[in-house]
Protein backbone atom coordinates (compact mmCIF):
# COMPACT_ATOMS: atom_id res chain seq x y z
CA UNK A 1 -2.43 89.50 82.13
CA UNK A 2 0.62 89.60 79.91
CA UNK A 3 -0.39 86.23 78.39
CA UNK A 4 -3.91 87.42 77.65
CA UNK A 5 -2.56 90.58 76.14
CA UNK A 6 -0.24 88.53 73.89
CA UNK A 7 -3.12 86.38 72.66
CA UNK A 8 -5.17 89.47 71.89
CA UNK A 9 -2.22 90.92 70.04
CA UNK A 10 -1.90 87.72 67.97
CA UNK A 11 -5.62 87.70 67.11
CA UNK A 12 -5.34 91.25 65.97
CA UNK A 13 -2.17 90.37 64.03
CA UNK A 14 -3.84 87.49 62.26
CA UNK A 15 -6.68 89.63 60.98
CA UNK A 16 -4.92 92.92 60.29
CA UNK A 17 -3.31 93.90 56.96
CA UNK A 18 0.47 93.44 56.44
CA UNK A 19 2.58 96.37 57.57
CA UNK A 20 6.16 97.46 56.93
CA UNK A 21 8.82 96.78 59.59
CA UNK A 22 12.17 98.49 59.35
CA UNK A 23 11.45 99.33 55.72
CA UNK A 24 10.57 95.71 54.81
CA UNK A 25 7.26 93.85 54.68
CA UNK A 26 7.18 90.47 56.42
CA UNK A 27 4.87 88.36 54.22
CA UNK A 28 3.95 84.71 54.52
CA UNK A 29 4.76 82.73 51.38
CA UNK A 30 2.07 80.81 49.53
CA UNK A 31 2.35 77.05 48.84
CA UNK A 32 5.40 76.70 51.05
CA UNK A 33 7.80 73.97 50.00
CA UNK A 34 11.31 73.05 51.11
CA UNK A 35 13.92 70.73 49.65
CA UNK A 36 16.40 70.31 52.52
CA UNK A 37 16.15 68.69 55.91
CA UNK A 38 15.34 71.90 57.82
CA UNK A 39 12.72 74.66 57.70
CA UNK A 40 14.00 78.23 58.03
CA UNK A 41 12.31 81.57 58.51
CA UNK A 42 13.17 82.41 54.93
CA UNK A 43 11.25 79.35 53.77
CA UNK A 44 8.11 80.69 55.45
CA UNK A 45 8.47 84.43 55.00
CA UNK A 46 9.54 87.01 52.47
CA UNK A 47 11.37 89.93 54.06
CA UNK A 48 12.91 88.09 57.05
CA UNK A 49 16.19 89.88 56.37
CA UNK A 50 19.30 88.58 58.11
CA UNK A 51 17.15 86.05 60.00
CA UNK A 52 16.00 84.28 56.87
CA UNK A 53 18.47 81.43 57.40
CA UNK A 54 17.39 80.80 61.00
CA UNK A 55 16.19 77.20 61.47
CA UNK A 56 12.78 76.90 63.13
CA UNK A 57 12.01 73.16 62.73
CA UNK A 58 13.17 69.96 60.99
CA UNK A 59 11.62 69.33 57.57
CA UNK A 60 9.12 66.46 57.14
CA UNK A 61 9.99 63.31 55.19
CA UNK A 62 10.28 63.75 51.42
CA UNK A 63 6.85 64.02 49.83
CA UNK A 64 5.20 64.71 53.22
CA UNK A 65 3.86 67.83 54.87
CA UNK A 66 3.98 69.32 58.36
CA UNK A 67 1.54 71.81 59.80
CA UNK A 68 2.20 74.67 62.26
CA UNK A 69 -0.38 76.61 64.22
CA UNK A 70 -0.40 80.20 63.03
CA UNK A 71 -0.56 81.44 66.62
CA UNK A 72 2.65 79.55 67.48
CA UNK A 73 4.43 80.94 64.43
CA UNK A 74 3.32 84.47 65.27
CA UNK A 75 4.56 84.05 68.84
CA UNK A 76 7.96 82.89 67.51
CA UNK A 77 8.15 85.81 65.08
CA UNK A 78 7.33 88.21 67.86
CA UNK A 79 10.06 86.72 70.08
CA UNK A 80 12.56 87.27 67.27
CA UNK A 81 11.70 90.97 67.09
CA UNK A 82 9.75 90.69 63.85
CA UNK A 83 6.16 91.58 63.17
CA UNK A 84 3.87 89.51 61.00
CA UNK A 85 0.34 90.62 60.23
CA UNK A 86 -1.28 88.46 57.51
CA UNK A 87 -3.65 90.14 55.10
CA UNK A 88 -6.30 87.42 55.61
CA UNK A 89 -7.25 85.31 58.67
CA UNK A 90 -5.24 82.08 58.90
CA UNK A 91 -5.11 79.34 61.52
CA UNK A 92 -2.59 76.86 60.17
CA UNK A 93 0.54 76.99 58.03
CA UNK A 94 1.40 73.91 55.93
CA UNK A 95 4.92 73.17 54.75
CA UNK A 96 5.57 70.41 52.21
CA UNK A 97 8.93 68.89 51.50
CA UNK A 98 9.64 68.30 47.82
CA UNK A 99 10.44 64.67 47.04
CA UNK A 100 10.86 62.36 44.09
CA UNK A 101 9.31 58.92 43.78
CA UNK A 102 11.62 56.01 42.98
CA UNK A 103 10.35 54.22 39.86
CA UNK A 104 8.69 50.90 40.83
CA UNK A 105 10.74 49.08 38.17
CA UNK A 106 13.94 50.10 39.95
CA UNK A 107 12.64 48.54 43.18
CA UNK A 108 11.38 45.30 41.61
CA UNK A 109 14.58 44.85 39.56
CA UNK A 110 16.74 45.02 42.71
CA UNK A 111 14.52 42.58 44.60
CA UNK A 112 14.49 40.17 41.64
CA UNK A 113 18.30 40.29 41.41
CA UNK A 114 18.61 39.53 45.14
CA UNK A 115 16.16 36.61 44.88
CA UNK A 116 17.91 35.22 41.81
CA UNK A 117 21.23 35.20 43.61
CA UNK A 118 19.85 33.77 46.84
CA UNK A 119 17.69 31.02 45.24
CA UNK A 120 19.96 30.31 42.27
CA UNK A 121 16.97 30.38 39.90
CA UNK A 122 17.07 31.49 36.27
CA UNK A 123 13.32 31.75 35.87
CA UNK A 124 10.71 32.66 38.45
CA UNK A 125 7.60 34.71 38.97
CA UNK A 126 7.69 37.34 41.72
CA UNK A 127 4.57 38.84 43.31
CA UNK A 128 4.77 41.73 45.81
CA UNK A 129 2.08 42.12 48.45
CA UNK A 130 2.24 45.91 47.98
CA UNK A 131 1.16 46.94 44.49
CA UNK A 132 1.54 50.72 44.94
CA UNK A 133 5.29 51.15 45.41
CA UNK A 134 5.55 54.82 46.34
CA UNK A 135 8.88 55.41 48.07
CA UNK A 136 9.75 59.09 48.27
CA UNK A 137 13.28 60.46 48.64
CA UNK A 138 14.70 63.97 48.63
CA UNK A 139 14.63 65.67 45.25
CA UNK A 140 18.43 65.99 45.17
CA UNK A 141 19.12 62.30 45.96
CA UNK A 142 19.70 59.50 43.41
CA UNK A 143 16.68 57.33 42.57
CA UNK A 144 18.28 54.06 43.68
CA UNK A 145 17.59 51.30 46.21
CA UNK A 146 19.63 48.46 47.67
CA UNK A 147 18.42 45.25 49.26
CA UNK A 148 19.93 45.18 52.79
CA UNK A 149 18.26 42.03 54.14
CA UNK A 150 16.32 39.20 52.54
CA UNK A 151 14.43 36.45 54.35
CA UNK A 152 12.97 33.57 52.31
CA UNK A 153 10.83 30.57 53.17
CA UNK A 154 12.02 28.09 50.52
CA UNK A 155 9.06 25.76 50.97
CA UNK A 156 6.28 28.36 50.50
CA UNK A 157 8.30 30.87 48.46
CA UNK A 158 7.28 33.73 50.73
CA UNK A 159 9.90 36.41 51.37
CA UNK A 160 10.51 39.68 53.17
CA UNK A 161 13.01 42.19 51.70
CA UNK A 162 14.37 45.19 53.58
CA UNK A 163 15.37 47.87 51.11
CA UNK A 164 17.30 51.09 51.63
CA UNK A 165 16.59 54.25 49.63
CA UNK A 166 18.74 55.73 48.27
CA UNK A 167 21.04 52.74 47.85
CA UNK A 168 23.84 52.31 50.41
CA UNK A 169 23.08 55.64 52.11
CA UNK A 170 23.88 56.14 55.79
CA UNK A 171 20.66 57.93 56.67
CA UNK A 172 18.37 56.53 53.98
CA UNK A 173 14.82 55.38 54.28
CA UNK A 174 14.32 51.70 55.17
CA UNK A 175 11.24 49.92 53.85
CA UNK A 176 10.15 46.31 54.34
CA UNK A 177 8.37 44.67 51.40
CA UNK A 178 6.89 41.16 51.41
CA UNK A 179 5.90 38.88 48.57
CA UNK A 180 6.06 35.40 47.11
CA UNK A 181 8.21 33.76 44.49
CA UNK A 182 7.30 30.84 42.19
CA UNK A 183 9.84 28.82 40.20
CA UNK A 184 9.07 28.68 36.46
CA UNK A 185 9.96 26.58 33.44
CA UNK A 186 9.50 26.98 29.70
CA UNK A 187 6.95 24.68 28.06
CA UNK A 188 5.91 24.35 24.39
CA UNK A 189 2.51 25.75 23.45
CA UNK A 190 0.72 26.38 20.15
CA UNK A 191 0.82 29.77 18.44
CA UNK A 192 -2.71 29.44 17.11
CA UNK A 193 -5.89 27.48 17.65
CA UNK A 194 -5.67 23.89 16.45
CA UNK A 195 -8.74 21.79 15.67
CA UNK A 196 -8.89 18.11 16.52
CA UNK A 197 -7.01 16.12 13.88
CA UNK A 198 -4.86 19.01 12.56
CA UNK A 199 -1.18 18.14 12.25
CA UNK A 200 1.19 20.10 14.49
CA UNK A 201 4.26 21.40 12.69
CA UNK A 202 7.40 22.93 14.12
CA UNK A 203 6.27 26.38 12.89
CA UNK A 204 3.12 26.04 15.03
CA UNK A 205 5.10 25.85 18.28
CA UNK A 206 5.88 28.69 20.66
CA UNK A 207 7.17 28.70 24.28
CA UNK A 208 5.65 30.05 27.46
CA UNK A 209 6.91 30.43 31.05
CA UNK A 210 4.73 28.45 33.44
CA UNK A 211 4.91 27.90 37.18
CA UNK A 212 6.72 24.59 37.75
CA UNK A 213 4.17 23.66 40.40
CA UNK A 214 1.42 23.79 37.73
CA UNK A 215 3.20 21.59 35.21
CA UNK A 216 1.86 18.10 35.87
CA UNK A 217 3.38 14.82 34.74
CA UNK A 218 1.12 14.60 31.69
CA UNK A 219 1.96 18.10 30.43
CA UNK A 220 4.20 18.08 27.33
CA UNK A 221 7.53 19.75 28.12
CA UNK A 222 9.45 18.59 25.01
CA UNK A 223 8.45 20.20 21.72
CA UNK A 224 9.69 17.16 19.78
CA UNK A 225 6.75 15.19 21.17
CA UNK A 226 4.31 17.58 19.48
CA UNK A 227 5.74 17.68 15.98
CA UNK A 228 3.82 15.40 13.62
CA UNK A 229 1.04 14.80 16.12
CA UNK A 230 -2.44 16.30 16.31
CA UNK A 231 -4.81 17.13 19.17
CA UNK A 232 -7.62 14.70 19.83
CA UNK A 233 -9.62 17.69 21.15
CA UNK A 234 -9.21 21.26 19.98
CA UNK A 235 -6.43 23.23 21.72
CA UNK A 236 -6.33 27.00 22.16
CA UNK A 237 -3.12 28.97 21.66
CA UNK A 238 -0.84 29.55 24.62
CA UNK A 239 -2.18 26.73 26.79
CA UNK A 240 -0.25 23.69 28.12
CA UNK A 241 -0.90 20.48 26.15
CA UNK A 242 -1.63 17.16 27.80
CA UNK A 243 -0.06 13.98 26.48
CA UNK A 244 -3.44 12.24 26.55
CA UNK A 245 -4.74 14.81 24.08
CA UNK A 246 -2.21 13.88 21.40
CA UNK A 247 -2.76 11.45 18.56
CA UNK A 248 -1.83 10.95 14.96
CA UNK A 249 -3.04 13.43 12.38
CA UNK A 250 -6.42 12.64 10.72
CA UNK A 251 -6.01 10.99 7.33
CA UNK A 252 -9.66 10.32 6.68
CA UNK A 253 -12.42 12.78 7.50
CA UNK A 254 -15.89 11.77 8.57
CA UNK A 255 -18.32 11.32 5.68
CA UNK A 256 -15.63 10.63 3.07
CA UNK A 257 -15.92 7.88 0.41
CA UNK A 258 -13.07 5.38 0.68
CA UNK A 259 -12.09 1.98 -0.72
CA UNK A 260 -12.91 -0.74 1.81
CA UNK A 261 -10.49 -3.66 1.34
CA UNK A 262 -10.52 -7.22 2.58
CA UNK A 263 -7.45 -9.41 2.14
CA UNK A 264 -7.75 -12.95 3.49
CA UNK A 265 -6.13 -16.20 2.36
CA UNK A 266 -5.27 -14.91 -1.07
CA UNK A 267 -8.72 -13.37 -1.45
CA UNK A 268 -8.88 -9.63 -2.24
CA UNK A 269 -12.17 -7.75 -2.10
CA UNK A 270 -12.77 -4.01 -2.45
CA UNK A 271 -15.97 -1.99 -2.31
CA UNK A 272 -16.84 1.62 -1.64
CA UNK A 273 -17.74 2.72 1.86
CA UNK A 274 -18.51 5.95 3.66
CA UNK A 275 -16.62 6.81 6.84
CA UNK A 276 -18.79 7.44 9.90
CA UNK A 277 -15.99 9.03 11.89
CA UNK A 278 -12.60 10.59 11.33
CA UNK A 279 -9.39 8.64 11.84
CA UNK A 280 -5.61 8.82 11.64
CA UNK A 281 -3.18 6.24 10.32
CA UNK A 282 -3.84 2.76 11.87
CA UNK A 283 -6.90 4.01 13.74
CA UNK A 284 -9.94 1.74 13.70
CA UNK A 285 -13.07 3.57 12.61
CA UNK A 286 -16.67 2.70 11.64
CA UNK A 287 -17.38 2.54 7.92
CA UNK A 288 -20.74 1.99 6.20
CA UNK A 289 -20.98 -0.24 3.13
CA UNK A 290 -22.88 2.00 0.71
CA UNK A 291 -24.38 -1.06 -1.05
CA UNK A 292 -25.58 -3.14 1.91
CA UNK A 293 -25.76 -0.26 4.49
CA UNK A 294 -23.95 -2.52 6.93
CA UNK A 295 -21.57 -0.84 9.38
CA UNK A 296 -18.15 -2.48 9.80
CA UNK A 297 -14.94 -1.79 11.68
CA UNK A 298 -11.96 -0.90 9.44
CA UNK A 299 -8.40 0.23 9.95
CA UNK A 300 -7.17 3.40 8.22
CA UNK A 301 -4.41 2.68 5.72
CA UNK A 302 -4.27 5.98 3.81
CA UNK A 303 -6.44 8.92 2.91
CA UNK A 304 -8.27 6.78 0.30
CA UNK A 305 -8.28 3.27 1.76
CA UNK A 306 -9.36 1.39 4.89
CA UNK A 307 -8.81 -2.30 5.59
CA UNK A 308 -11.35 -4.59 7.24
CA UNK A 309 -10.03 -6.20 10.36
CA UNK A 310 -9.50 -9.96 10.02
CA UNK A 311 -11.19 -11.00 13.27
CA UNK A 312 -14.15 -13.39 12.80
CA UNK A 313 -16.92 -10.83 13.29
CA UNK A 314 -15.30 -8.75 10.60
CA UNK A 315 -15.12 -11.75 8.21
CA UNK A 316 -18.84 -12.05 8.53
CA UNK A 317 -19.10 -8.44 7.40
CA UNK A 318 -16.89 -9.26 4.46
CA UNK A 319 -19.54 -11.52 3.01
CA UNK A 320 -21.85 -8.52 3.03
CA UNK A 321 -19.32 -6.70 0.92
CA UNK A 322 -19.05 -9.61 -1.53
CA UNK A 323 -22.79 -9.83 -1.92
């Protein structure tokens, strides 16, 4: 009977208006928050008097909330000789602990430093499996972390890091983060788009960090090999360049009129021809004799001249020039 009577009393208490007790009104706070590790009566109520500092429960983790049943709180208040009668019906009381979020950059910087030391790498790419790094600590604690343990698979680059927040604290929060690391190297790339045949100058070259595993044997890693050369096929800026795509700069453009020369046994012949394709120095290209319309193979000498090759089939073409 006593238990039923107590429940009825609580129901009435939860729906009745607030009253004064010993000259003070016991009132539940709104939006209850705490900063420390414990929840006191004073955190929940205004007017708790000398019992305001009495601890009623441990506080939740920073940034988290805990929920009490209003009936249980009322029972506790009654046992302490206090009377609480909320102005409006209420079933649950939520208490949130104030916390601060450690900046993600602080976390990634510490993990990178630990990986750099452990792997002895100057350049690498680090990817964490968890993108939303939300580690909450108490508002009055420093926003720092320390890497307590680090496990690395050197073949796959996968790792697990155990971090402590705040750094080096005795009762800090321990969090395990996993990810993968990739060794990198600097390779030369072009600053701007280059068309086929354009000469590459030193001022055209920039550098980019690339995963070492993606840099094949044919990829140019020495900028000196690019200077003075030109792409055989157009190259976009910022992309690795393959050795097979490098050639000499174009001296003669397609469709240009050039002097076609034949030197053989003291004989020197020269006529005008039209190039049918572009070519760099010493490249062999097709040239059309504008008089006979015959197509011959000629070697690029300069921007104005090409020389007929001295193989027998080309000597036959030379007679066409002479005629």
